[in-house]
Amino acid sequence: GGDEINEIKYGKNYGWPISSYGYKYSEPINDDLNYSDNHKKYGFEEPIFSFIPSIGISEIIPVPKKFNEFWKNNFLISSLWGASIYRTRMSDDHKKIIYYEKIYVGKRIRDLKYSLSYNNFLLSVEDYWKGSASLCIISN
């Protein structure tokens, strides 16, 4: 359990399933899975950020400048397990996360898209336990 955000580079290895900052939290625990939390020791790329525990990342998209002056240079990260959107600000070189704001939605977010025509975000959400799905809109 642990979701990483990585800068993907051709030919690089990011460690899964050998290295992870996550931990085992499901039963029964498989004792054969012993993650190293040291990526560099094995020649793996370090993540930019790790969500511990996992939020179940489903999508990461940039927020267009047109959407909102206060959200410029931000990314939105949608989550299944966290039932939230994480508004995230990264450093200019995209090497680290400066901050994130958790925006609780209350449903698993399966997909997230931006509509240029309407200047809003469309969320495909589901209530896993009830088996229902909905479409939500985030507008400025």
N, C-alpha and C. Protein backbone atom coordinates (compact mmCIF):
# COMPACT_ATOMS: atom_id res chain seq x y z
N GLY A 1 0.81 -1.19 0.00
CA GLY A 1 0.00 0.00 0.00
C GLY A 1 0.86 1.25 0.00
N GLY A 2 0.82 1.98 -1.06
CA GLY A 2 1.55 3.23 -1.18
C GLY A 2 1.54 3.64 -2.64
N ASP A 3 1.05 4.82 -2.93
CA ASP A 3 1.01 5.31 -4.31
C ASP A 3 2.14 6.29 -4.52
N GLU A 4 2.93 6.05 -5.56
CA GLU A 4 4.05 6.93 -5.87
C GLU A 4 3.73 7.80 -7.07
N ILE A 5 4.27 9.00 -7.04
CA ILE A 5 4.28 9.87 -8.21
C ILE A 5 5.73 9.90 -8.67
N ASN A 6 5.94 9.51 -9.91
CA ASN A 6 7.29 9.42 -10.46
C ASN A 6 7.44 10.28 -11.70
N GLU A 7 8.64 10.77 -11.92
CA GLU A 7 8.98 11.38 -13.19
C GLU A 7 9.47 10.23 -14.08
N ILE A 8 8.71 9.91 -15.09
CA ILE A 8 9.01 8.75 -15.92
C ILE A 8 10.12 9.10 -16.90
N LYS A 9 11.17 8.28 -16.87
CA LYS A 9 12.31 8.44 -17.77
C LYS A 9 12.54 7.11 -18.49
N TYR A 10 12.81 7.21 -19.76
CA TYR A 10 13.02 6.01 -20.58
C TYR A 10 14.13 5.14 -19.99
N GLY A 11 13.85 3.85 -19.88
CA GLY A 11 14.85 2.88 -19.44
C GLY A 11 15.09 2.83 -17.95
N LYS A 12 14.39 3.61 -17.17
CA LYS A 12 14.60 3.62 -15.72
C LYS A 12 13.65 2.65 -15.03
N ASN A 13 14.05 2.21 -13.85
CA ASN A 13 13.27 1.28 -13.05
C ASN A 13 12.84 2.01 -11.79
N TYR A 14 11.57 1.85 -11.41
CA TYR A 14 11.01 2.58 -10.27
C TYR A 14 10.80 1.70 -9.04
N GLY A 15 11.23 0.45 -9.15
CA GLY A 15 11.35 -0.39 -7.97
C GLY A 15 10.27 -1.38 -7.66
N TRP A 16 9.08 -1.19 -8.21
CA TRP A 16 7.99 -2.11 -7.84
C TRP A 16 8.23 -3.49 -8.44
N PRO A 17 8.08 -4.54 -7.68
CA PRO A 17 7.59 -4.65 -6.31
C PRO A 17 8.69 -4.85 -5.27
N ILE A 18 9.91 -4.40 -5.58
CA ILE A 18 11.01 -4.60 -4.64
C ILE A 18 11.09 -3.44 -3.64
N SER A 19 11.00 -2.22 -4.14
CA SER A 19 11.09 -1.05 -3.27
C SER A 19 9.79 -0.26 -3.29
N SER A 20 9.35 0.13 -2.11
CA SER A 20 8.14 0.94 -1.97
C SER A 20 8.17 1.57 -0.59
N TYR A 21 7.65 2.80 -0.49
CA TYR A 21 7.50 3.41 0.83
C TYR A 21 6.19 2.98 1.48
N GLY A 22 5.38 2.23 0.72
CA GLY A 22 4.14 1.72 1.27
C GLY A 22 4.39 0.55 2.19
N TYR A 23 3.30 0.06 2.75
CA TYR A 23 3.39 -1.08 3.65
C TYR A 23 2.22 -2.02 3.40
N LYS A 24 2.37 -3.23 3.88
CA LYS A 24 1.32 -4.23 3.71
C LYS A 24 0.22 -3.96 4.73
N TYR A 25 -1.02 -3.85 4.26
CA TYR A 25 -2.10 -3.63 5.20
C TYR A 25 -3.34 -4.45 4.90
N SER A 26 -3.21 -5.45 4.07
CA SER A 26 -4.34 -6.33 3.82
C SER A 26 -4.09 -7.68 4.47
N GLU A 27 -5.14 -8.35 4.80
CA GLU A 27 -5.05 -9.68 5.40
C GLU A 27 -5.42 -10.72 4.36
N PRO A 28 -4.82 -11.88 4.32
CA PRO A 28 -3.66 -12.20 5.13
C PRO A 28 -2.40 -11.54 4.57
N ILE A 29 -1.53 -11.17 5.45
CA ILE A 29 -0.28 -10.53 5.03
C ILE A 29 0.64 -11.59 4.45
N ASN A 30 1.13 -11.34 3.25
CA ASN A 30 2.04 -12.26 2.58
C ASN A 30 3.46 -11.94 3.04
N ASP A 31 4.02 -12.84 3.82
CA ASP A 31 5.37 -12.61 4.36
C ASP A 31 6.46 -12.64 3.30
N ASP A 32 6.12 -13.09 2.07
CA ASP A 32 7.09 -13.09 0.99
C ASP A 32 7.30 -11.68 0.42
N LEU A 33 6.38 -10.75 0.72
CA LEU A 33 6.50 -9.38 0.23
C LEU A 33 7.15 -8.51 1.29
N ASN A 34 8.42 -8.33 1.18
CA ASN A 34 9.14 -7.45 2.09
C ASN A 34 9.77 -6.34 1.27
N TYR A 35 9.13 -5.19 1.31
CA TYR A 35 9.60 -4.06 0.51
C TYR A 35 10.79 -3.40 1.17
N SER A 36 11.73 -2.98 0.34
CA SER A 36 12.81 -2.13 0.81
C SER A 36 12.34 -0.70 0.63
N ASP A 37 12.60 0.16 1.61
CA ASP A 37 12.23 1.56 1.43
C ASP A 37 13.42 2.38 0.94
N ASN A 38 14.40 1.68 0.37
CA ASN A 38 15.57 2.34 -0.16
C ASN A 38 15.65 2.07 -1.67
N HIS A 39 15.16 3.00 -2.45
CA HIS A 39 15.17 2.83 -3.90
C HIS A 39 16.59 2.87 -4.46
N LYS A 40 17.37 3.83 -4.01
CA LYS A 40 18.72 4.04 -4.55
C LYS A 40 19.64 2.84 -4.32
N LYS A 41 19.47 2.16 -3.21
CA LYS A 41 20.30 0.99 -2.88
C LYS A 41 20.26 -0.05 -4.00
N TYR A 42 19.12 -0.16 -4.68
CA TYR A 42 18.95 -1.15 -5.74
C TYR A 42 19.04 -0.52 -7.13
N GLY A 43 19.40 0.74 -7.21
CA GLY A 43 19.53 1.41 -8.49
C GLY A 43 18.21 1.89 -9.08
N PHE A 44 17.19 2.01 -8.24
CA PHE A 44 15.87 2.47 -8.70
C PHE A 44 15.76 3.98 -8.55
N GLU A 45 14.86 4.57 -9.32
CA GLU A 45 14.57 5.99 -9.22
C GLU A 45 13.71 6.26 -7.99
N GLU A 46 14.05 7.31 -7.26
CA GLU A 46 13.24 7.71 -6.11
C GLU A 46 11.96 8.39 -6.60
N PRO A 47 10.84 8.18 -5.92
CA PRO A 47 9.61 8.87 -6.32
C PRO A 47 9.68 10.35 -5.97
N ILE A 48 8.89 11.13 -6.68
CA ILE A 48 8.74 12.54 -6.34
C ILE A 48 7.98 12.65 -5.03
N PHE A 49 6.96 11.80 -4.88
CA PHE A 49 6.12 11.83 -3.68
C PHE A 49 5.45 10.47 -3.52
N SER A 50 5.17 10.09 -2.28
CA SER A 50 4.44 8.86 -1.99
C SER A 50 3.27 9.16 -1.07
N PHE A 51 2.10 8.66 -1.44
CA PHE A 51 0.94 8.75 -0.56
C PHE A 51 0.91 7.49 0.30
N ILE A 52 1.05 7.69 1.61
CA ILE A 52 1.01 6.59 2.56
C ILE A 52 -0.03 6.93 3.61
N PRO A 53 -1.09 6.16 3.77
CA PRO A 53 -1.43 4.98 2.98
C PRO A 53 -1.90 5.37 1.58
N SER A 54 -2.09 4.36 0.75
CA SER A 54 -2.52 4.59 -0.64
C SER A 54 -3.82 5.37 -0.70
N ILE A 55 -3.93 6.20 -1.72
CA ILE A 55 -5.20 6.89 -2.00
C ILE A 55 -5.88 6.29 -3.22
N GLY A 56 -5.19 5.38 -3.92
CA GLY A 56 -5.76 4.77 -5.12
C GLY A 56 -5.83 5.77 -6.25
N ILE A 57 -4.68 6.30 -6.67
CA ILE A 57 -4.64 7.32 -7.73
C ILE A 57 -5.28 6.78 -9.00
N SER A 58 -6.22 7.55 -9.55
CA SER A 58 -6.84 7.14 -10.81
C SER A 58 -6.45 8.06 -11.97
N GLU A 59 -6.08 9.29 -11.68
CA GLU A 59 -5.73 10.23 -12.75
C GLU A 59 -4.91 11.39 -12.17
N ILE A 60 -4.00 11.91 -12.96
CA ILE A 60 -3.27 13.14 -12.62
C ILE A 60 -3.33 14.02 -13.85
N ILE A 61 -3.91 15.23 -13.69
CA ILE A 61 -4.00 16.13 -14.84
C ILE A 61 -3.63 17.55 -14.41
N PRO A 62 -3.03 18.32 -15.33
CA PRO A 62 -2.71 19.72 -15.01
C PRO A 62 -3.97 20.57 -15.02
N VAL A 63 -3.99 21.59 -14.17
CA VAL A 63 -5.08 22.56 -14.17
C VAL A 63 -4.72 23.65 -15.18
N PRO A 64 -5.53 23.84 -16.21
CA PRO A 64 -5.23 24.88 -17.20
C PRO A 64 -5.26 26.28 -16.58
N LYS A 65 -4.42 27.16 -17.09
CA LYS A 65 -4.36 28.54 -16.58
C LYS A 65 -5.72 29.22 -16.66
N LYS A 66 -6.49 28.88 -17.67
CA LYS A 66 -7.80 29.48 -17.90
C LYS A 66 -8.80 29.16 -16.77
N PHE A 67 -8.61 28.04 -16.06
CA PHE A 67 -9.62 27.59 -15.11
C PHE A 67 -9.79 28.53 -13.92
N ASN A 68 -8.67 28.86 -13.27
CA ASN A 68 -8.75 29.68 -12.06
C ASN A 68 -7.37 30.28 -11.76
N GLU A 69 -7.32 31.56 -11.52
CA GLU A 69 -6.05 32.26 -11.23
C GLU A 69 -5.34 31.67 -10.02
N PHE A 70 -6.11 31.26 -9.02
CA PHE A 70 -5.51 30.74 -7.79
C PHE A 70 -5.04 29.29 -7.93
N TRP A 71 -5.47 28.61 -8.97
CA TRP A 71 -5.08 27.22 -9.18
C TRP A 71 -4.06 27.07 -10.31
N LYS A 72 -3.47 28.17 -10.76
CA LYS A 72 -2.50 28.04 -11.86
C LYS A 72 -1.27 27.27 -11.37
N ASN A 73 -0.66 26.56 -12.29
CA ASN A 73 0.50 25.71 -12.02
C ASN A 73 0.18 24.59 -11.03
N ASN A 74 -1.08 24.18 -10.97
CA ASN A 74 -1.50 23.09 -10.10
C ASN A 74 -1.82 21.86 -10.94
N PHE A 75 -1.88 20.73 -10.26
CA PHE A 75 -2.34 19.48 -10.84
C PHE A 75 -3.48 18.97 -9.97
N LEU A 76 -4.39 18.23 -10.58
CA LEU A 76 -5.42 17.54 -9.81
C LEU A 76 -5.13 16.05 -9.87
N ILE A 77 -5.18 15.45 -8.70
CA ILE A 77 -4.99 14.00 -8.58
C ILE A 77 -6.30 13.44 -8.05
N SER A 78 -6.91 12.55 -8.82
CA SER A 78 -8.16 11.94 -8.37
C SER A 78 -7.83 10.59 -7.73
N SER A 79 -8.71 10.22 -6.79
CA SER A 79 -8.43 8.99 -6.05
C SER A 79 -9.66 8.11 -5.93
N LEU A 80 -9.41 6.83 -5.97
CA LEU A 80 -10.46 5.84 -5.76
C LEU A 80 -10.66 5.60 -4.26
N TRP A 81 -9.61 5.18 -3.61
CA TRP A 81 -9.69 4.83 -2.19
C TRP A 81 -9.91 6.06 -1.31
N GLY A 82 -9.30 7.17 -1.64
CA GLY A 82 -9.41 8.37 -0.84
C GLY A 82 -10.71 9.14 -1.04
N ALA A 83 -11.48 8.80 -2.10
CA ALA A 83 -12.75 9.45 -2.41
C ALA A 83 -12.60 10.97 -2.41
N SER A 84 -11.48 11.43 -2.94
CA SER A 84 -11.14 12.85 -2.90
C SER A 84 -10.36 13.24 -4.15
N ILE A 85 -10.27 14.55 -4.33
CA ILE A 85 -9.36 15.14 -5.31
C ILE A 85 -8.27 15.83 -4.51
N TYR A 86 -7.05 15.71 -4.96
CA TYR A 86 -5.93 16.38 -4.31
C TYR A 86 -5.42 17.45 -5.27
N ARG A 87 -5.64 18.71 -4.88
CA ARG A 87 -5.10 19.84 -5.65
C ARG A 87 -3.66 20.01 -5.22
N THR A 88 -2.76 19.88 -6.17
CA THR A 88 -1.34 19.76 -5.86
C THR A 88 -0.52 20.82 -6.58
N ARG A 89 0.42 21.38 -5.87
CA ARG A 89 1.37 22.33 -6.47
C ARG A 89 2.74 21.69 -6.47
N MET A 90 3.36 21.64 -7.64
CA MET A 90 4.70 21.07 -7.77
C MET A 90 5.72 22.19 -7.96
N SER A 91 6.96 21.87 -7.68
CA SER A 91 8.03 22.83 -7.94
C SER A 91 8.11 23.09 -9.44
N ASP A 92 8.72 24.19 -9.83
CA ASP A 92 8.80 24.56 -11.25
C ASP A 92 9.47 23.48 -12.10
N ASP A 93 10.41 22.75 -11.52
CA ASP A 93 11.09 21.70 -12.27
C ASP A 93 10.38 20.34 -12.15
N HIS A 94 9.24 20.32 -11.45
CA HIS A 94 8.43 19.11 -11.24
C HIS A 94 9.19 18.02 -10.50
N LYS A 95 10.13 18.40 -9.64
CA LYS A 95 10.93 17.43 -8.90
C LYS A 95 10.39 17.15 -7.50
N LYS A 96 9.46 18.01 -7.02
CA LYS A 96 8.87 17.75 -5.70
C LYS A 96 7.52 18.43 -5.58
N ILE A 97 6.72 17.91 -4.67
CA ILE A 97 5.42 18.51 -4.38
C ILE A 97 5.61 19.54 -3.28
N ILE A 98 5.17 20.76 -3.54
CA ILE A 98 5.28 21.85 -2.58
C ILE A 98 4.17 21.72 -1.53
N TYR A 99 2.94 21.46 -1.99
CA TYR A 99 1.82 21.25 -1.08
C TYR A 99 0.70 20.53 -1.81
N TYR A 100 -0.23 20.00 -1.02
CA TYR A 100 -1.46 19.49 -1.62
C TYR A 100 -2.61 19.79 -0.68
N GLU A 101 -3.79 19.96 -1.29
CA GLU A 101 -5.02 20.21 -0.57
C GLU A 101 -5.97 19.06 -0.90
N LYS A 102 -6.46 18.40 0.13
CA LYS A 102 -7.42 17.31 -0.08
C LYS A 102 -8.83 17.90 -0.16
N ILE A 103 -9.51 17.62 -1.27
CA ILE A 103 -10.88 18.08 -1.47
C ILE A 103 -11.77 16.83 -1.46
N TYR A 104 -12.49 16.66 -0.37
CA TYR A 104 -13.29 15.45 -0.19
C TYR A 104 -14.51 15.46 -1.11
N VAL A 105 -14.71 14.38 -1.84
CA VAL A 105 -15.84 14.22 -2.75
C VAL A 105 -16.86 13.23 -2.18
N GLY A 106 -16.36 12.21 -1.50
CA GLY A 106 -17.23 11.23 -0.87
C GLY A 106 -17.56 10.02 -1.72
N LYS A 107 -17.05 9.99 -2.93
CA LYS A 107 -17.24 8.84 -3.81
C LYS A 107 -15.91 8.54 -4.50
N ARG A 108 -15.76 7.30 -4.94
CA ARG A 108 -14.56 6.90 -5.67
C ARG A 108 -14.54 7.62 -7.01
N ILE A 109 -13.44 8.26 -7.34
CA ILE A 109 -13.33 9.00 -8.60
C ILE A 109 -12.62 8.11 -9.61
N ARG A 110 -13.39 7.65 -10.57
CA ARG A 110 -12.88 6.72 -11.57
C ARG A 110 -12.12 7.44 -12.66
N ASP A 111 -12.61 8.62 -13.07
CA ASP A 111 -11.99 9.35 -14.17
C ASP A 111 -12.18 10.85 -13.97
N LEU A 112 -11.26 11.63 -14.49
CA LEU A 112 -11.25 13.08 -14.35
C LEU A 112 -10.78 13.68 -15.66
N LYS A 113 -11.58 14.56 -16.23
CA LYS A 113 -11.23 15.21 -17.50
C LYS A 113 -11.55 16.69 -17.42
N TYR A 114 -10.81 17.48 -18.20
CA TYR A 114 -11.06 18.92 -18.28
C TYR A 114 -11.76 19.22 -19.59
N SER A 115 -12.80 20.05 -19.54
CA SER A 115 -13.51 20.49 -20.74
C SER A 115 -13.08 21.93 -21.06
N LEU A 116 -12.35 22.09 -22.14
CA LEU A 116 -11.91 23.41 -22.57
C LEU A 116 -13.12 24.26 -22.97
N SER A 117 -14.08 23.66 -23.62
CA SER A 117 -15.27 24.39 -24.09
C SER A 117 -16.05 25.03 -22.94
N TYR A 118 -16.18 24.31 -21.84
CA TYR A 118 -16.98 24.79 -20.71
C TYR A 118 -16.13 25.27 -19.52
N ASN A 119 -14.82 25.13 -19.64
CA ASN A 119 -13.88 25.53 -18.58
C ASN A 119 -14.28 24.90 -17.23
N ASN A 120 -14.48 23.58 -17.27
CA ASN A 120 -14.77 22.87 -16.03
C ASN A 120 -14.17 21.47 -16.07
N PHE A 121 -14.21 20.82 -14.93
CA PHE A 121 -13.73 19.45 -14.82
C PHE A 121 -14.91 18.51 -14.69
N LEU A 122 -14.82 17.38 -15.36
CA LEU A 122 -15.84 16.35 -15.29
C LEU A 122 -15.28 15.16 -14.52
N LEU A 123 -16.04 14.69 -13.56
CA LEU A 123 -15.62 13.56 -12.74
C LEU A 123 -16.60 12.41 -12.94
N SER A 124 -16.08 11.26 -13.23
CA SER A 124 -16.88 10.05 -13.23
C SER A 124 -16.66 9.41 -11.86
N VAL A 125 -17.74 9.35 -11.06
CA VAL A 125 -17.61 8.85 -9.69
C VAL A 125 -18.49 7.62 -9.50
N GLU A 126 -18.13 6.81 -8.52
CA GLU A 126 -18.90 5.62 -8.22
C GLU A 126 -19.01 5.40 -6.73
N ASP A 127 -20.12 4.84 -6.34
CA ASP A 127 -20.28 4.38 -4.97
C ASP A 127 -20.09 2.87 -5.02
N TYR A 128 -18.90 2.45 -4.68
CA TYR A 128 -18.50 1.05 -4.82
C TYR A 128 -19.47 0.11 -4.12
N TRP A 129 -19.89 0.47 -2.93
CA TRP A 129 -20.72 -0.42 -2.11
C TRP A 129 -22.15 -0.48 -2.61
N LYS A 130 -22.65 0.57 -3.25
CA LYS A 130 -24.02 0.59 -3.74
C LYS A 130 -24.11 0.22 -5.22
N GLY A 131 -22.97 0.19 -5.90
CA GLY A 131 -22.96 -0.15 -7.32
C GLY A 131 -23.53 0.94 -8.21
N SER A 132 -23.46 2.19 -7.77
CA SER A 132 -24.00 3.29 -8.56
C SER A 132 -22.87 4.17 -9.10
N ALA A 133 -23.17 4.87 -10.20
CA ALA A 133 -22.18 5.77 -10.81
C ALA A 133 -22.85 7.11 -11.11
N SER A 134 -22.06 8.18 -11.10
CA SER A 134 -22.58 9.52 -11.36
C SER A 134 -21.54 10.33 -12.11
N LEU A 135 -21.99 11.43 -12.67
CA LEU A 135 -21.10 12.40 -13.31
C LEU A 135 -21.17 13.67 -12.49
N CYS A 136 -20.02 14.21 -12.11
CA CYS A 136 -19.96 15.45 -11.32
C CYS A 136 -19.20 16.50 -12.12
N ILE A 137 -19.46 17.76 -11.81
CA ILE A 137 -18.80 18.88 -12.49
C ILE A 137 -18.18 19.80 -11.46
N ILE A 138 -16.93 20.18 -11.71
CA ILE A 138 -16.26 21.22 -10.91
C ILE A 138 -16.14 22.43 -11.81
N SER A 139 -16.77 23.50 -11.44
CA SER A 139 -16.70 24.71 -12.27
C SER A 139 -16.10 25.84 -11.47
N ASN A 140 -15.62 26.83 -12.18
CA ASN A 140 -14.98 27.97 -11.58
C ASN A 140 -16.02 28.98 -11.15
